[in-house]
């Protein structure tokens, strides 16, 4: 046991990375380590992201800052950036240990074996055929919302995306293992779970006879789990079976975040997305028929083949659609991808200007949607209490400030709230029954 040794974990990137960091944290706490956010710790692990060049740059900056401020501490780097750019990171002297995604679950043993000489642990991500077991989950930073990773990898190879090179081919987790983890979250008192993966639409394709819908329905049978959400999904996942769950299962929360990337047929074709705008429109129409549903989406701005007309096609579709908010990402050239060889039609300044216009549209749509919530009631899971106020998220995943609560109200409590105002976030009062 490593009693009193301290570990700090810095996570960059997506919810899957955050989940995996919690798994890593659990390995260390089970062996006597104390987690800390202080700079001067015995071990600092950086779980990296490589979805954009900015993510790469941030990882390098964090590495150098950590070692500069704590030269005696061990610096270990893992994650997607390590998987795709191992040779580049090997040249950074501040790194003591490099562990790619194929060896991530062995990071505790590797750090324990460190004796001053740089350790490099790597493998071939495309030889990973099964979902990796990464230990029992025993420590979670969020107090009210638990995450369950059910899938890894992606078979799509979109022309702009580096993630298949970082995560490998799609691999699904056995339903029995998923349920076991959901039961553990229930035992720990979590009322809400989020089902996550790299590409949830591909869940079950490799193991057969099980679908994302099966996972949702089975987890919902756990009495202590009151709310279920899914992470980002592709439009192809919006099937009749998927929609049916929202209408028939009260535990399924009415919020869907779509990985759209564009709403222009020409751009979608060059991106190698397997759908067109007509299908997006059909899926959005079906989702919008579900009571209290809120739909958000990821959009890339400045893809190389996106000129002004393609941008306007996307902008105008979003403007007319039921999307309540867009998460915007300027296109980032990624090595090994097909789009890296495309010639861009737009300058950096033009891309920034288009991003600003879409960001304003997104904010306006969110404000409009939120103001329409005033006067309505929604369930809220309380995450934090400060004096007489509480903060939590509505069923359709909007932040709500609840005012004038009684002293009896506790964190991790589900309450019915009437929305009385919108001032950057929703304002509500608990409905007295």
Protein backbone atom coordinates (compact mmCIF):
# COMPACT_ATOMS: atom_id res chain seq x y z
CA UNK A 1 0.00 0.00 0.00
CA UNK A 2 1.11 3.56 -0.73
CA UNK A 3 -0.29 5.30 2.32
CA UNK A 4 -0.19 9.09 2.17
CA UNK A 5 1.14 9.22 -1.39
CA UNK A 6 -0.74 11.81 -3.43
CA UNK A 7 -1.96 11.60 -7.01
CA UNK A 8 -3.42 14.25 -9.29
CA UNK A 9 -5.28 13.40 -12.50
CA UNK A 10 -5.80 16.06 -15.17
CA UNK A 11 -8.37 15.11 -17.80
CA UNK A 12 -8.64 16.76 -21.20
CA UNK A 13 -11.43 16.08 -23.67
CA UNK A 14 -14.64 14.08 -23.72
CA UNK A 15 -16.86 12.34 -21.17
CA UNK A 16 -15.29 9.00 -22.11
CA UNK A 17 -11.89 10.36 -21.06
CA UNK A 18 -13.40 11.65 -17.82
CA UNK A 19 -14.91 8.24 -17.13
CA UNK A 20 -11.60 6.50 -17.81
CA UNK A 21 -9.82 8.94 -15.49
CA UNK A 22 -12.19 7.91 -12.72
CA UNK A 23 -11.32 4.27 -13.39
CA UNK A 24 -7.63 5.16 -13.13
CA UNK A 25 -8.28 7.14 -9.95
CA UNK A 26 -9.97 4.09 -8.44
CA UNK A 27 -6.91 1.91 -9.10
CA UNK A 28 -4.77 4.30 -7.08
CA UNK A 29 -7.18 4.98 -4.22
CA UNK A 30 -7.67 1.23 -3.74
CA UNK A 31 -3.91 1.02 -3.23
CA UNK A 32 -3.64 3.78 -0.63
CA UNK A 33 -3.12 6.88 -2.75
CA UNK A 34 -4.85 10.14 -1.82
CA UNK A 35 -6.25 12.21 -4.67
CA UNK A 36 -5.34 15.89 -4.69
CA UNK A 37 -5.62 18.97 -6.89
CA UNK A 38 -2.39 20.40 -5.50
CA UNK A 39 0.54 20.91 -7.87
CA UNK A 40 3.10 19.27 -5.59
CA UNK A 41 2.00 15.62 -5.65
CA UNK A 42 3.90 12.35 -5.95
CA UNK A 43 2.27 11.44 -9.26
CA UNK A 44 0.44 13.51 -11.86
CA UNK A 45 -1.38 11.70 -14.67
CA UNK A 46 -2.50 13.67 -17.73
CA UNK A 47 -5.25 11.94 -19.71
CA UNK A 48 -4.88 13.59 -23.10
CA UNK A 49 -7.19 14.46 -26.00
CA UNK A 50 -6.30 14.83 -29.68
CA UNK A 51 -9.59 15.78 -31.33
CA UNK A 52 -8.12 19.15 -32.44
CA UNK A 53 -4.66 20.70 -32.74
CA UNK A 54 -5.66 22.96 -29.84
CA UNK A 55 -6.14 19.87 -27.65
CA UNK A 56 -2.65 18.68 -28.61
CA UNK A 57 -1.17 22.08 -27.78
CA UNK A 58 -2.98 22.18 -24.43
CA UNK A 59 -1.65 18.76 -23.48
CA UNK A 60 1.94 19.83 -24.19
CA UNK A 61 1.44 23.06 -22.21
CA UNK A 62 0.02 21.20 -19.20
CA UNK A 63 2.90 18.69 -19.24
CA UNK A 64 5.55 21.41 -19.14
CA UNK A 65 3.76 23.46 -16.49
CA UNK A 66 3.30 20.46 -14.19
CA UNK A 67 6.96 19.43 -14.36
CA UNK A 68 8.18 23.02 -14.02
CA UNK A 69 6.16 23.53 -10.83
CA UNK A 70 6.85 20.06 -9.41
CA UNK A 71 10.16 18.73 -10.78
CA UNK A 72 10.36 15.88 -8.27
CA UNK A 73 6.93 14.46 -9.10
CA UNK A 74 6.33 11.69 -11.63
CA UNK A 75 4.55 12.90 -14.79
CA UNK A 76 2.64 10.19 -16.66
CA UNK A 77 0.74 10.90 -19.87
CA UNK A 78 -1.91 8.65 -21.39
CA UNK A 79 -4.92 8.97 -23.67
CA UNK A 80 -5.64 9.64 -27.31
CA UNK A 81 -2.76 12.04 -28.03
CA UNK A 82 -0.32 9.40 -26.77
CA UNK A 83 -1.95 6.75 -28.96
CA UNK A 84 -1.62 8.79 -32.16
CA UNK A 85 1.56 10.80 -31.52
CA UNK A 86 3.77 8.62 -29.33
CA UNK A 87 7.00 9.46 -31.22
CA UNK A 88 6.37 13.20 -30.86
CA UNK A 89 5.72 12.94 -27.12
CA UNK A 90 8.78 10.73 -26.57
CA UNK A 91 10.89 13.81 -27.36
CA UNK A 92 9.39 15.85 -24.50
CA UNK A 93 11.85 15.52 -21.58
CA UNK A 94 9.31 16.49 -18.93
CA UNK A 95 7.43 13.20 -19.43
CA UNK A 96 8.48 10.27 -17.25
CA UNK A 97 5.92 7.69 -18.37
CA UNK A 98 3.98 7.34 -21.64
CA UNK A 99 1.03 4.93 -21.75
CA UNK A 100 -1.18 4.64 -24.82
CA UNK A 101 -4.86 3.65 -24.84
CA UNK A 102 -4.11 -0.06 -25.32
CA UNK A 103 -2.23 -0.15 -22.00
CA UNK A 104 -4.23 2.41 -20.05
CA UNK A 105 -5.63 -0.10 -17.56
CA UNK A 106 -2.04 -1.05 -16.58
CA UNK A 107 -1.02 2.48 -15.66
CA UNK A 108 -0.93 1.80 -11.91
CA UNK A 109 1.52 -1.10 -12.30
CA UNK A 110 3.67 0.93 -14.70
CA UNK A 111 3.90 3.90 -12.34
CA UNK A 112 4.72 1.61 -9.42
CA UNK A 113 7.57 0.10 -11.46
CA UNK A 114 9.10 3.52 -12.29
CA UNK A 115 12.69 3.84 -11.07
CA UNK A 116 13.85 7.02 -12.79
CA UNK A 117 14.15 5.75 -16.36
CA UNK A 118 11.47 6.80 -18.88
CA UNK A 119 8.80 4.13 -19.40
CA UNK A 120 7.05 3.76 -22.75
CA UNK A 121 4.12 1.36 -22.98
CA UNK A 122 2.36 1.03 -26.32
CA UNK A 123 0.41 -1.35 -28.54
CA UNK A 124 -1.54 -1.56 -31.81
CA UNK A 125 -5.00 -0.05 -31.21
CA UNK A 126 -6.39 -1.82 -34.30
CA UNK A 127 -5.60 -5.21 -32.77
CA UNK A 128 -7.92 -4.47 -29.87
CA UNK A 129 -10.92 -6.74 -30.57
CA UNK A 130 -12.84 -6.69 -27.30
CA UNK A 131 -14.01 -4.05 -24.84
CA UNK A 132 -11.27 -3.48 -22.28
CA UNK A 133 -12.02 -4.21 -18.64
CA UNK A 134 -10.52 -1.46 -16.54
CA UNK A 135 -11.28 -2.35 -12.96
CA UNK A 136 -14.05 -1.72 -10.50
CA UNK A 137 -15.39 1.82 -10.25
CA UNK A 138 -15.18 2.98 -6.65
CA UNK A 139 -14.58 6.73 -6.75
CA UNK A 140 -16.51 9.32 -8.72
CA UNK A 141 -16.02 13.07 -8.59
CA UNK A 142 -19.60 13.97 -9.50
CA UNK A 143 -21.98 13.47 -6.59
CA UNK A 144 -25.28 13.07 -8.41
CA UNK A 145 -24.58 11.83 -11.95
CA UNK A 146 -22.77 8.58 -12.74
CA UNK A 147 -21.37 7.52 -16.11
CA UNK A 148 -21.30 4.09 -17.70
CA UNK A 149 -19.07 3.51 -20.71
CA UNK A 150 -20.58 0.82 -22.91
CA UNK A 151 -18.63 1.16 -26.17
CA UNK A 152 -15.24 2.20 -27.50
CA UNK A 153 -13.80 2.90 -30.95
CA UNK A 154 -15.38 3.85 -34.27
CA UNK A 155 -15.56 2.17 -37.68
CA UNK A 156 -16.61 5.26 -39.67
CA UNK A 157 -13.33 7.04 -40.58
CA UNK A 158 -14.96 10.39 -41.32
CA UNK A 159 -12.61 12.42 -43.49
CA UNK A 160 -11.83 15.04 -40.80
CA UNK A 161 -11.65 12.78 -37.75
CA UNK A 162 -8.56 11.35 -36.07
CA UNK A 163 -10.41 9.43 -33.37
CA UNK A 164 -10.45 5.97 -35.07
CA UNK A 165 -6.63 6.12 -35.01
CA UNK A 166 -6.78 6.90 -31.29
CA UNK A 167 -9.55 4.50 -30.28
CA UNK A 168 -9.48 1.69 -32.86
CA UNK A 169 -12.44 -0.25 -34.18
CA UNK A 170 -15.80 -0.36 -32.45
CA UNK A 171 -15.95 -2.65 -29.42
CA UNK A 172 -18.99 -3.25 -27.23
CA UNK A 173 -19.26 -4.04 -23.55
CA UNK A 174 -21.23 -7.07 -22.40
CA UNK A 175 -24.68 -6.26 -21.03
CA UNK A 176 -23.96 -8.19 -17.82
CA UNK A 177 -20.93 -5.97 -17.09
CA UNK A 178 -22.94 -2.82 -17.80
CA UNK A 179 -25.69 -3.87 -15.42
CA UNK A 180 -23.15 -4.77 -12.74
CA UNK A 181 -21.68 -1.25 -12.92
CA UNK A 182 -25.16 0.32 -12.94
CA UNK A 183 -25.99 -1.66 -9.79
CA UNK A 184 -22.81 -0.35 -8.16
CA UNK A 185 -23.80 3.22 -9.01
CA UNK A 186 -27.25 2.53 -7.56
CA UNK A 187 -25.66 1.15 -4.39
CA UNK A 188 -23.56 4.31 -4.09
CA UNK A 189 -26.73 6.40 -4.21
CA UNK A 190 -26.62 7.80 -7.75
CA UNK A 191 -30.06 8.65 -9.11
CA UNK A 192 -28.93 9.60 -12.63
CA UNK A 193 -26.72 7.69 -15.03
CA UNK A 194 -25.36 8.72 -18.42
CA UNK A 195 -24.62 6.01 -20.97
CA UNK A 196 -21.55 6.98 -22.99
CA UNK A 197 -19.29 5.71 -25.76
CA UNK A 198 -17.24 6.89 -28.70
CA UNK A 199 -19.97 5.94 -31.19
CA UNK A 200 -23.07 4.62 -29.43
CA UNK A 201 -24.78 3.88 -32.77
CA UNK A 202 -22.30 1.02 -33.24
CA UNK A 203 -23.00 -0.55 -29.84
CA UNK A 204 -23.73 -4.26 -30.16
CA UNK A 205 -22.66 -4.68 -33.79
CA UNK A 206 -19.61 -6.73 -32.79
CA UNK A 207 -21.18 -8.90 -30.08
CA UNK A 208 -24.68 -9.34 -31.56
CA UNK A 209 -28.17 -9.72 -30.09
CA UNK A 210 -27.95 -6.60 -27.94
CA UNK A 211 -28.64 -2.94 -28.70
CA UNK A 212 -28.38 0.45 -27.04
CA UNK A 213 -32.13 0.25 -26.45
CA UNK A 214 -31.63 -3.03 -24.55
CA UNK A 215 -29.09 -1.32 -22.31
CA UNK A 216 -31.40 1.60 -21.55
CA UNK A 217 -34.41 -0.61 -20.79
CA UNK A 218 -32.40 -2.97 -18.57
CA UNK A 219 -30.75 -0.18 -16.57
CA UNK A 220 -34.12 1.51 -16.11
CA UNK A 221 -35.36 -1.55 -14.19
CA UNK A 222 -33.06 -0.66 -11.30
CA UNK A 223 -35.31 0.98 -8.71
CA UNK A 224 -32.72 3.44 -7.39
CA UNK A 225 -31.89 4.80 -10.86
CA UNK A 226 -34.45 7.51 -11.56
CA UNK A 227 -32.96 9.20 -14.62
CA UNK A 228 -31.15 7.90 -17.70
CA UNK A 229 -29.36 9.96 -20.34
CA UNK A 230 -27.27 9.02 -23.35
CA UNK A 231 -24.14 10.79 -24.55
CA UNK A 232 -23.65 12.22 -28.01
CA UNK A 233 -25.27 10.08 -30.72
CA UNK A 234 -25.33 9.92 -34.52
CA UNK A 235 -28.55 10.59 -36.45
CA UNK A 236 -28.68 6.92 -37.48
CA UNK A 237 -29.42 6.04 -33.84
CA UNK A 238 -32.76 7.88 -34.00
CA UNK A 239 -34.81 4.79 -34.88
CA UNK A 240 -38.42 3.93 -34.06
CA UNK A 241 -37.18 1.73 -31.21
CA UNK A 242 -35.08 4.53 -29.78
CA UNK A 243 -37.95 7.05 -29.99
CA UNK A 244 -40.30 4.54 -28.38
CA UNK A 245 -38.23 4.55 -25.19
CA UNK A 246 -38.77 8.29 -24.70
CA UNK A 247 -42.53 7.87 -25.06
CA UNK A 248 -42.86 4.78 -22.88
CA UNK A 249 -40.10 4.97 -20.25
CA UNK A 250 -40.40 7.88 -17.78
CA UNK A 251 -36.80 7.40 -16.67
CA UNK A 252 -35.46 8.34 -20.10
CA UNK A 253 -34.72 12.06 -19.99
CA UNK A 254 -35.90 14.21 -22.95
CA UNK A 255 -32.57 15.51 -24.19
CA UNK A 256 -30.62 14.32 -27.24
CA UNK A 257 -27.25 15.65 -28.35
CA UNK A 258 -26.59 14.87 -32.01
CA UNK A 259 -23.20 14.57 -33.68
CA UNK A 260 -24.26 16.38 -36.88
CA UNK A 261 -21.07 18.31 -37.84
CA UNK A 262 -22.80 20.01 -40.78
CA UNK A 263 -26.26 20.63 -42.23
CA UNK A 264 -25.15 20.96 -45.85
CA UNK A 265 -25.32 17.97 -48.19
CA UNK A 266 -22.15 18.87 -50.09
CA UNK A 267 -20.10 19.20 -46.93
CA UNK A 268 -21.59 16.06 -45.36
CA UNK A 269 -20.61 14.08 -48.46
CA UNK A 270 -17.00 15.32 -48.31
CA UNK A 271 -16.94 14.58 -44.57
CA UNK A 272 -17.93 10.97 -45.33
CA UNK A 273 -20.94 11.20 -43.07
CA UNK A 274 -23.51 8.54 -43.93
CA UNK A 275 -26.58 10.80 -43.98
CA UNK A 276 -27.89 13.91 -45.69
CA UNK A 277 -29.92 16.95 -44.62
CA UNK A 278 -33.25 15.32 -45.54
CA UNK A 279 -32.56 12.57 -43.00
CA UNK A 280 -31.50 15.09 -40.34
CA UNK A 281 -34.77 16.94 -40.90
CA UNK A 282 -36.77 13.73 -40.59
CA UNK A 283 -35.01 12.75 -37.36
CA UNK A 284 -35.45 16.22 -35.83
CA UNK A 285 -39.15 16.21 -36.68
CA UNK A 286 -39.59 12.86 -34.92
CA UNK A 287 -37.67 14.02 -31.85
CA UNK A 288 -39.60 17.27 -31.67
CA UNK A 289 -42.85 15.33 -31.26
CA UNK A 290 -41.65 13.99 -27.89
CA UNK A 291 -42.94 15.97 -24.92
CA UNK A 292 -40.44 18.45 -23.45
CA UNK A 293 -37.69 17.22 -25.79
CA UNK A 294 -34.60 19.38 -26.26
CA UNK A 295 -32.18 18.66 -29.09
CA UNK A 296 -28.64 20.06 -29.29
CA UNK A 297 -25.87 19.34 -31.78
CA UNK A 298 -22.18 19.53 -32.63
CA UNK A 299 -21.30 21.60 -35.72
CA UNK A 300 -17.89 22.02 -37.39
CA UNK A 301 -17.29 25.44 -38.94
CA UNK A 302 -14.70 25.95 -41.68
CA UNK A 303 -14.41 22.46 -43.17
CA UNK A 304 -12.10 22.86 -46.21
CA UNK A 305 -14.87 22.43 -48.83
CA UNK A 306 -17.25 24.78 -46.99
CA UNK A 307 -17.59 28.02 -48.95
CA UNK A 308 -20.03 30.84 -48.23
CA UNK A 309 -22.96 29.10 -49.96
CA UNK A 310 -22.37 25.84 -48.03
CA UNK A 311 -22.06 27.77 -44.78
CA UNK A 312 -25.33 29.64 -45.46
CA UNK A 313 -27.11 26.37 -46.24
CA UNK A 314 -26.04 25.04 -42.84
CA UNK A 315 -26.83 28.31 -41.03
CA UNK A 316 -30.31 28.59 -42.52
CA UNK A 317 -31.16 24.98 -41.73
CA UNK A 318 -30.14 25.44 -38.09
CA UNK A 319 -32.05 28.71 -37.91
CA UNK A 320 -35.32 27.04 -39.00
CA UNK A 321 -34.80 23.79 -37.10
CA UNK A 322 -35.88 22.74 -33.62
CA UNK A 323 -32.26 22.65 -32.43
CA UNK A 324 -32.08 24.67 -29.23
CA UNK A 325 -28.30 25.00 -29.07
CA UNK A 326 -25.17 24.15 -31.07
CA UNK A 327 -21.71 23.34 -29.80
CA UNK A 328 -19.37 24.86 -32.38
CA UNK A 329 -15.90 23.65 -33.34
CA UNK A 330 -13.65 25.38 -35.88
CA UNK A 331 -12.27 22.79 -38.31
CA UNK A 332 -8.90 21.45 -37.21
CA UNK A 333 -6.56 19.78 -39.70
CA UNK A 334 -5.67 16.33 -38.38
CA UNK A 335 -2.82 14.18 -39.68
CA UNK A 336 -3.71 10.80 -41.28
CA UNK A 337 -7.20 12.02 -42.21
CA UNK A 338 -8.38 12.41 -45.81
CA UNK A 339 -9.47 16.02 -45.27
CA UNK A 340 -5.92 16.96 -44.31
CA UNK A 341 -5.16 16.94 -48.03
CA UNK A 342 -8.07 19.20 -48.98
CA UNK A 343 -7.45 22.82 -49.96
CA UNK A 344 -9.41 25.21 -47.77
CA UNK A 345 -11.84 27.63 -49.40
CA UNK A 346 -11.81 30.01 -46.44
CA UNK A 347 -9.27 32.05 -44.51
CA UNK A 348 -8.87 31.83 -40.75
CA UNK A 349 -10.56 35.25 -40.41
CA UNK A 350 -13.58 34.12 -42.44
CA UNK A 351 -13.95 30.95 -40.35
CA UNK A 352 -13.84 33.00 -37.14
CA UNK A 353 -16.49 35.39 -38.49
CA UNK A 354 -18.75 32.48 -39.46
CA UNK A 355 -18.23 30.89 -36.05
CA UNK A 356 -19.25 34.14 -34.36
CA UNK A 357 -22.44 34.34 -36.44
CA UNK A 358 -23.39 30.76 -35.65
CA UNK A 359 -22.55 31.26 -31.98
CA UNK A 360 -24.92 34.23 -31.82
CA UNK A 361 -27.63 32.18 -33.52
CA UNK A 362 -27.08 29.35 -31.03
CA UNK A 363 -27.30 31.73 -28.05
CA UNK A 364 -30.48 33.30 -29.45
CA UNK A 365 -32.08 29.88 -29.95
CA UNK A 366 -31.12 28.80 -26.43
CA UNK A 367 -32.58 32.00 -24.98
CA UNK A 368 -35.80 31.52 -26.96
CA UNK A 369 -36.12 27.89 -25.85
CA UNK A 370 -35.36 28.75 -22.21
CA UNK A 371 -37.87 31.62 -22.08
CA UNK A 372 -40.53 29.23 -23.35
CA UNK A 373 -39.89 27.13 -20.23
CA UNK A 374 -41.15 29.94 -17.97
CA UNK A 375 -44.47 28.97 -16.43
CA UNK A 376 -43.85 25.26 -16.94
CA UNK A 377 -42.89 22.60 -14.41
CA UNK A 378 -39.94 20.25 -14.66
CA UNK A 379 -38.13 17.76 -12.46
CA UNK A 380 -34.72 18.88 -11.21
CA UNK A 381 -31.98 16.80 -9.64
CA UNK A 382 -30.29 19.03 -7.06
CA UNK A 383 -26.50 19.03 -7.38
CA UNK A 384 -25.45 21.88 -5.11
CA UNK A 385 -26.96 23.90 -2.26
CA UNK A 386 -25.81 27.37 -1.22
CA UNK A 387 -27.70 29.01 1.63
CA UNK A 388 -31.36 29.16 0.57
CA UNK A 389 -30.73 28.39 -3.08
CA UNK A 390 -29.97 25.21 -5.01
CA UNK A 391 -28.67 24.40 -8.48
CA UNK A 392 -29.45 21.38 -10.61
CA UNK A 393 -30.47 20.25 -14.08
CA UNK A 394 -33.93 19.88 -15.53
CA UNK A 395 -35.09 16.71 -17.25
CA UNK A 396 -34.20 18.28 -20.62
CA UNK A 397 -30.74 19.24 -19.34
CA UNK A 398 -31.02 22.93 -18.64
CA UNK A 399 -29.34 24.44 -15.60
CA UNK A 400 -31.86 25.63 -13.00
CA UNK A 401 -31.37 27.85 -9.97
CA UNK A 402 -33.99 27.03 -7.34
CA UNK A 403 -34.69 29.87 -4.91
CA UNK A 404 -36.04 29.93 -1.36
CA UNK A 405 -35.61 26.24 -0.61
CA UNK A 406 -36.28 24.81 2.85
CA UNK A 407 -33.48 23.54 5.07
CA UNK A 408 -34.85 20.00 4.67
CA UNK A 409 -33.86 19.82 1.01
CA UNK A 410 -30.66 17.84 0.43
CA UNK A 411 -28.25 17.43 -2.48
CA UNK A 412 -29.02 14.50 -4.80
CA UNK A 413 -32.76 15.07 -4.31
CA UNK A 414 -35.26 15.04 -7.15
CA UNK A 415 -37.81 17.85 -6.87
CA UNK A 416 -40.58 19.25 -9.03
CA UNK A 417 -39.88 22.87 -9.92
CA UNK A 418 -41.96 25.59 -11.52
CA UNK A 419 -39.86 27.83 -13.77
CA UNK A 420 -40.58 31.46 -12.90
CA UNK A 421 -37.90 33.35 -14.86
CA UNK A 422 -34.89 33.13 -17.14
CA UNK A 423 -31.82 35.26 -16.35
CA UNK A 424 -28.96 33.53 -18.17
CA UNK A 425 -30.14 30.35 -16.45
CA UNK A 426 -33.62 29.18 -15.51
CA UNK A 427 -34.98 30.36 -12.16
CA UNK A 428 -37.50 28.20 -10.35
CA UNK A 429 -39.38 27.43 -7.17
CA UNK A 430 -40.14 24.01 -5.73
CA UNK A 431 -43.74 22.97 -6.33
CA UNK A 432 -45.46 22.35 -3.01
CA UNK A 433 -47.68 19.27 -3.29
